[in-house]
Amino acid sequence: MVVFFKRGLTFNFIEVIASFYHTDDQTIFLETALYKVKSKSLFDEKHIQKIIKNSQANIVTVSPNYFVIEKTGWRDDTEKLYKELEPYGLLQFVRSGRISVSKEPMNISNLLGLNTDK
């Protein structure tokens, strides 16, 4: 199968070698979110530090104008932190969407016929 998607004025083609379908109960899944917040909030609003700590998020960069927080968890966790940070000058927000691994072992090399070990 070949899939294509439009990017600007060009089309990109990718070859799909295999695809697998899993239900929620067959996978372990999370998402990662980044929040860009005004730096002034970090220094002027002490409560924001407590919000970050209680949400088990990490500050990944600090600059004079903004700082960036990273949070990995379930969708509800990233949305809750979004709502808590919004009053403090949330400048940008991006979320990865679901990332997952299957609970059952999947030896991809064997599934794709690439394993040369016999």
C-alpha atoms as a PDB file:
ATOM      1  CA  MET A   1       0.000   0.000   0.000  1.00  0.00           C
ATOM      2  CA  VAL A   2       1.219   3.477  -0.794  1.00  0.00           C
ATOM      3  CA  VAL A   3      -0.136   6.485   1.057  1.00  0.00           C
ATOM      4  CA  PHE A   4       0.301  10.068  -0.052  1.00  0.00           C
ATOM      5  CA  PHE A   5      -0.380  13.350   1.640  1.00  0.00           C
ATOM      6  CA  LYS A   6      -0.152  16.915   0.443  1.00  0.00           C
ATOM      7  CA  ARG A   7       2.408  19.145   2.102  1.00  0.00           C
ATOM      8  CA  GLY A   8       2.388  22.671   0.786  1.00  0.00           C
ATOM      9  CA  LEU A   9       2.596  22.425  -2.989  1.00  0.00           C
ATOM     10  CA  THR A  10       4.236  19.001  -3.063  1.00  0.00           C
ATOM     11  CA  PHE A  11       2.969  15.485  -2.457  1.00  0.00           C
ATOM     12  CA  ASN A  12       4.866  13.031  -0.284  1.00  0.00           C
ATOM     13  CA  PHE A  13       4.551   9.296  -0.816  1.00  0.00           C
ATOM     14  CA  ILE A  14       5.298   6.774   1.877  1.00  0.00           C
ATOM     15  CA  GLU A  15       5.228   3.014   1.611  1.00  0.00           C
ATOM     16  CA  VAL A  16       3.218   1.241   4.286  1.00  0.00           C
ATOM     17  CA  ILE A  17       4.771  -2.165   4.860  1.00  0.00           C
ATOM     18  CA  ALA A  18       2.293  -3.358   7.481  1.00  0.00           C
ATOM     19  CA  SER A  19      -0.349  -2.007   9.789  1.00  0.00           C
ATOM     20  CA  PHE A  20      -1.818  -3.439  12.956  1.00  0.00           C
ATOM     21  CA  TYR A  21      -5.051  -2.768  14.789  1.00  0.00           C
ATOM     22  CA  HIS A  22      -5.293  -2.924  18.586  1.00  0.00           C
ATOM     23  CA  THR A  23      -8.108  -2.080  20.955  1.00  0.00           C
ATOM     24  CA  ASP A  24      -7.562   0.120  24.018  1.00  0.00           C
ATOM     25  CA  ASP A  25      -7.412  -2.890  26.335  1.00  0.00           C
ATOM     26  CA  GLN A  26      -4.601  -4.402  24.221  1.00  0.00           C
ATOM     27  CA  THR A  27      -2.301  -1.370  24.464  1.00  0.00           C
ATOM     28  CA  ILE A  28      -0.530   0.915  26.878  1.00  0.00           C
ATOM     29  CA  PHE A  29      -1.084   4.456  25.649  1.00  0.00           C
ATOM     30  CA  LEU A  30      -0.266   8.017  26.661  1.00  0.00           C
ATOM     31  CA  GLU A  31       0.172  11.399  25.019  1.00  0.00           C
ATOM     32  CA  THR A  32       2.666  14.213  25.455  1.00  0.00           C
ATOM     33  CA  ALA A  33       1.784  17.891  25.573  1.00  0.00           C
ATOM     34  CA  LEU A  34       3.845  21.096  25.536  1.00  0.00           C
ATOM     35  CA  TYR A  35       2.612  24.344  27.078  1.00  0.00           C
ATOM     36  CA  LYS A  36       4.268  27.708  26.399  1.00  0.00           C
ATOM     37  CA  VAL A  37       3.489  30.194  29.183  1.00  0.00           C
ATOM     38  CA  LYS A  38       4.519  33.799  29.881  1.00  0.00           C
ATOM     39  CA  SER A  39       7.670  33.848  32.044  1.00  0.00           C
ATOM     40  CA  LYS A  40       6.201  36.611  34.173  1.00  0.00           C
ATOM     41  CA  SER A  41       3.743  34.032  35.550  1.00  0.00           C
ATOM     42  CA  LEU A  42       6.534  31.757  36.747  1.00  0.00           C
ATOM     43  CA  PHE A  43       8.098  34.482  38.867  1.00  0.00           C
ATOM     44  CA  ASP A  44       5.034  36.507  39.901  1.00  0.00           C
ATOM     45  CA  GLU A  45       2.532  33.717  40.530  1.00  0.00           C
ATOM     46  CA  LYS A  46       3.922  31.211  43.045  1.00  0.00           C
ATOM     47  CA  HIS A  47       0.788  29.079  42.678  1.00  0.00           C
ATOM     48  CA  ILE A  48       1.789  28.109  39.131  1.00  0.00           C
ATOM     49  CA  GLN A  49       4.849  26.292  40.478  1.00  0.00           C
ATOM     50  CA  LYS A  50       2.561  24.207  42.677  1.00  0.00           C
ATOM     51  CA  ILE A  51       0.322  23.416  39.690  1.00  0.00           C
ATOM     52  CA  ILE A  52       3.349  22.189  37.709  1.00  0.00           C
ATOM     53  CA  LYS A  53       4.636  20.088  40.608  1.00  0.00           C
ATOM     54  CA  ASN A  54       1.222  18.566  41.417  1.00  0.00           C
ATOM     55  CA  SER A  55       0.630  17.641  37.768  1.00  0.00           C
ATOM     56  CA  GLN A  56       4.026  15.881  37.592  1.00  0.00           C
ATOM     57  CA  ALA A  57       4.977  18.036  34.617  1.00  0.00           C
ATOM     58  CA  ASN A  58       8.476  19.297  33.792  1.00  0.00           C
ATOM     59  CA  ILE A  59       9.765  22.712  32.850  1.00  0.00           C
ATOM     60  CA  VAL A  60      11.925  22.063  29.788  1.00  0.00           C
ATOM     61  CA  THR A  61      13.092  25.591  28.938  1.00  0.00           C
ATOM     62  CA  VAL A  62      12.964  29.080  30.408  1.00  0.00           C
ATOM     63  CA  SER A  63      13.559  32.324  28.526  1.00  0.00           C
ATOM     64  CA  PRO A  64      12.949  35.977  29.445  1.00  0.00           C
ATOM     65  CA  ASN A  65       9.543  35.981  27.665  1.00  0.00           C
ATOM     66  CA  TYR A  66       8.228  32.456  28.137  1.00  0.00           C
ATOM     67  CA  PHE A  67       8.833  29.038  29.604  1.00  0.00           C
ATOM     68  CA  VAL A  68       7.810  25.620  28.262  1.00  0.00           C
ATOM     69  CA  ILE A  69       6.254  22.823  30.280  1.00  0.00           C
ATOM     70  CA  GLU A  70       6.126  19.176  29.166  1.00  0.00           C
ATOM     71  CA  LYS A  71       3.465  16.797  30.460  1.00  0.00           C
ATOM     72  CA  THR A  72       3.084  13.128  29.590  1.00  0.00           C
ATOM     73  CA  GLY A  73      -0.072  11.328  30.632  1.00  0.00           C
ATOM     74  CA  TRP A  74      -3.604  10.511  29.602  1.00  0.00           C
ATOM     75  CA  ARG A  75      -5.780  12.946  27.629  1.00  0.00           C
ATOM     76  CA  ASP A  76      -7.662  13.962  30.790  1.00  0.00           C
ATOM     77  CA  ASP A  77      -4.345  14.853  32.487  1.00  0.00           C
ATOM     78  CA  THR A  78      -3.137  17.072  29.642  1.00  0.00           C
ATOM     79  CA  GLU A  79      -6.514  18.794  29.347  1.00  0.00           C
ATOM     80  CA  LYS A  80      -6.667  19.414  33.113  1.00  0.00           C
ATOM     81  CA  LEU A  81      -3.229  21.061  33.062  1.00  0.00           C
ATOM     82  CA  TYR A  82      -4.301  23.165  30.057  1.00  0.00           C
ATOM     83  CA  LYS A  83      -7.286  24.499  32.000  1.00  0.00           C
ATOM     84  CA  GLU A  84      -5.138  25.186  35.073  1.00  0.00           C
ATOM     85  CA  LEU A  85      -2.476  27.082  33.078  1.00  0.00           C
ATOM     86  CA  GLU A  86      -4.870  29.108  30.922  1.00  0.00           C
ATOM     87  CA  PRO A  87      -5.312  31.959  33.466  1.00  0.00           C
ATOM     88  CA  TYR A  88      -1.522  32.407  33.709  1.00  0.00           C
ATOM     89  CA  GLY A  89      -0.898  33.515  30.128  1.00  0.00           C
ATOM     90  CA  LEU A  90      -0.862  30.362  28.039  1.00  0.00           C
ATOM     91  CA  LEU A  91       0.800  31.366  24.757  1.00  0.00           C
ATOM     92  CA  GLN A  92       0.871  28.054  22.889  1.00  0.00           C
ATOM     93  CA  PHE A  93      -0.242  24.479  23.356  1.00  0.00           C
ATOM     94  CA  VAL A  94       0.501  21.348  21.330  1.00  0.00           C
ATOM     95  CA  ARG A  95      -0.360  17.722  21.988  1.00  0.00           C
ATOM     96  CA  SER A  96       1.093  14.625  20.356  1.00  0.00           C
ATOM     97  CA  GLY A  97      -2.051  12.573  20.204  1.00  0.00           C
ATOM     98  CA  ARG A  98      -1.994   8.994  21.338  1.00  0.00           C
ATOM     99  CA  ILE A  99       1.255   7.072  21.347  1.00  0.00           C
ATOM    100  CA  SER A 100       1.106   3.424  22.305  1.00  0.00           C
ATOM    101  CA  VAL A 101       2.722   0.029  22.509  1.00  0.00           C
ATOM    102  CA  SER A 102       0.960  -3.314  22.543  1.00  0.00           C
ATOM    103  CA  LYS A 103       0.786  -5.284  25.775  1.00  0.00           C
ATOM    104  CA  GLU A 104       1.572  -8.510  23.949  1.00  0.00           C
ATOM    105  CA  PRO A 105       5.073  -8.954  22.491  1.00  0.00           C
ATOM    106  CA  MET A 106       5.374  -8.051  18.817  1.00  0.00           C
ATOM    107  CA  ASN A 107       8.640  -8.991  17.178  1.00  0.00           C
ATOM    108  CA  ILE A 108       8.361  -6.616  14.238  1.00  0.00           C
ATOM    109  CA  SER A 109      11.296  -8.152  12.372  1.00  0.00           C
ATOM    110  CA  ASN A 110       9.552 -11.553  12.366  1.00  0.00           C
ATOM    111  CA  LEU A 111       6.198 -10.024  11.417  1.00  0.00           C
ATOM    112  CA  LEU A 112       7.776  -8.282   8.434  1.00  0.00           C
ATOM    113  CA  GLY A 113       9.852 -11.285   7.436  1.00  0.00           C
ATOM    114  CA  LEU A 114      13.107  -9.443   8.075  1.00  0.00           C
ATOM    115  CA  ASN A 115      14.519 -11.743  10.754  1.00  0.00           C
ATOM    116  CA  THR A 116      17.401 -13.789   9.355  1.00  0.00           C
ATOM    117  CA  ASP A 117      17.886 -15.760  12.593  1.00  0.00           C
ATOM    118  CA  LYS A 118      16.565 -19.275  12.304  1.00  0.00           C
END
